[in-house]
Amino acid sequence: VPNTFTPNGNNRNDVFYAYGTSITEFHMQIYDRWGMLLFTSDDITIGWDGKYKGVLVQVDTYVVKIQYKVECGDQNMHKEIRHVNVIR
């Protein structure tokens, strides 16, 4: 999971994605520092464009919560909490 992206419209690093292989279930949520949910996705191929209600968020650090299952292994839901920086 990257820790920084730059949604500035230059077509490089404009969308935040989580990456993985053999993922069978996926859920990602992104929150601002006050706990407001800004983005959610159940599809690992859909990333966050750095917008909330169509407007680019401010340069800041955001909380990323990810839950996923993998094809092989214990079949338990794995949970991770990360941070992502939005810079321009």
Protein backbone atom coordinates (compact mmCIF):
# COMPACT_ATOMS: atom_id res chain seq x y z
CA VAL A 1 0.00 0.00 0.00
CA PRO A 2 1.61 3.28 -1.05
CA ASN A 3 1.91 6.02 1.57
CA THR A 4 1.70 9.06 -0.74
CA PHE A 5 -0.03 10.11 -3.93
CA THR A 6 -0.41 13.31 -5.91
CA PRO A 7 -3.91 13.91 -7.33
CA ASN A 8 -2.87 16.95 -9.36
CA GLY A 9 -4.14 15.99 -12.81
CA ASN A 10 -0.80 15.23 -14.46
CA ASN A 11 -1.79 11.57 -15.09
CA ARG A 12 1.04 10.28 -12.87
CA ASN A 13 0.24 8.95 -9.43
CA ASP A 14 -3.18 10.68 -9.53
CA VAL A 15 -5.13 7.77 -7.99
CA PHE A 16 -4.47 5.89 -4.74
CA TYR A 17 -4.70 2.09 -5.07
CA ALA A 18 -4.02 -0.81 -2.73
CA TYR A 19 -2.29 -3.68 -4.50
CA GLY A 20 -2.26 -7.42 -3.93
CA THR A 21 -2.44 -10.82 -5.56
CA SER A 22 -4.87 -13.66 -4.99
CA ILE A 23 -7.27 -11.31 -3.16
CA THR A 24 -10.73 -12.89 -2.92
CA GLU A 25 -12.44 -10.25 -0.78
CA PHE A 26 -11.50 -6.59 -0.42
CA HIS A 27 -12.84 -3.53 1.35
CA MET A 28 -11.08 -0.16 1.68
CA GLN A 29 -12.18 2.97 3.54
CA ILE A 30 -10.43 6.33 3.68
CA TYR A 31 -11.05 8.82 6.49
CA ASP A 32 -9.88 12.33 7.24
CA ARG A 33 -8.18 13.17 10.54
CA TRP A 34 -11.54 13.84 12.21
CA GLY A 35 -12.94 10.44 11.28
CA MET A 36 -15.17 11.49 8.38
CA LEU A 37 -15.49 8.75 5.76
CA LEU A 38 -14.32 10.16 2.42
CA PHE A 39 -14.11 7.09 0.21
CA THR A 40 -15.03 3.42 0.23
CA SER A 41 -14.56 0.60 -2.26
CA ASP A 42 -15.15 -3.15 -2.35
CA ASP A 43 -13.20 -3.46 -5.62
CA ILE A 44 -9.39 -3.50 -5.50
CA THR A 45 -9.27 -2.13 -9.06
CA ILE A 46 -11.10 1.06 -8.06
CA GLY A 47 -8.86 3.62 -6.38
CA TRP A 48 -9.39 6.95 -4.64
CA ASP A 49 -8.93 10.02 -6.84
CA GLY A 50 -8.34 12.31 -3.87
CA LYS A 51 -11.80 13.85 -4.04
CA TYR A 52 -14.66 14.08 -1.60
CA LYS A 53 -18.04 14.98 -3.09
CA GLY A 54 -16.28 15.93 -6.34
CA VAL A 55 -13.79 18.35 -4.75
CA LEU A 56 -10.09 17.63 -4.23
CA VAL A 57 -9.23 17.20 -0.56
CA GLN A 58 -6.59 19.37 1.04
CA VAL A 59 -2.95 18.39 1.33
CA ASP A 60 -2.90 16.27 4.48
CA THR A 61 -2.53 12.76 5.88
CA TYR A 62 -5.52 10.40 5.70
CA VAL A 63 -6.33 7.10 7.40
CA VAL A 64 -6.74 4.01 5.21
CA LYS A 65 -8.53 0.95 6.59
CA ILE A 66 -8.25 -2.19 4.49
CA GLN A 67 -9.83 -5.59 5.03
CA TYR A 68 -9.06 -8.49 2.70
CA LYS A 69 -8.97 -12.24 2.27
CA VAL A 70 -6.46 -14.12 0.16
CA GLU A 71 -7.05 -17.21 -1.93
CA CYS A 72 -4.49 -19.36 -0.16
CA GLY A 73 -3.75 -19.42 3.51
CA ASP A 74 -5.97 -19.27 6.55
CA GLN A 75 -9.03 -17.67 4.86
CA ASN A 76 -9.39 -15.21 7.75
CA MET A 77 -10.18 -11.58 7.07
CA HIS A 78 -6.96 -9.58 7.38
CA LYS A 79 -7.18 -6.00 8.62
CA GLU A 80 -4.69 -3.19 8.15
CA ILE A 81 -4.70 0.47 9.09
CA ARG A 82 -2.33 2.68 7.14
CA HIS A 83 -1.83 6.34 6.38
CA VAL A 84 -1.67 8.03 3.00
CA ASN A 85 -0.34 11.51 2.32
CA VAL A 86 -1.98 13.69 -0.31
CA ILE A 87 0.51 16.12 -1.80
CA ARG A 88 0.52 18.33 -4.89
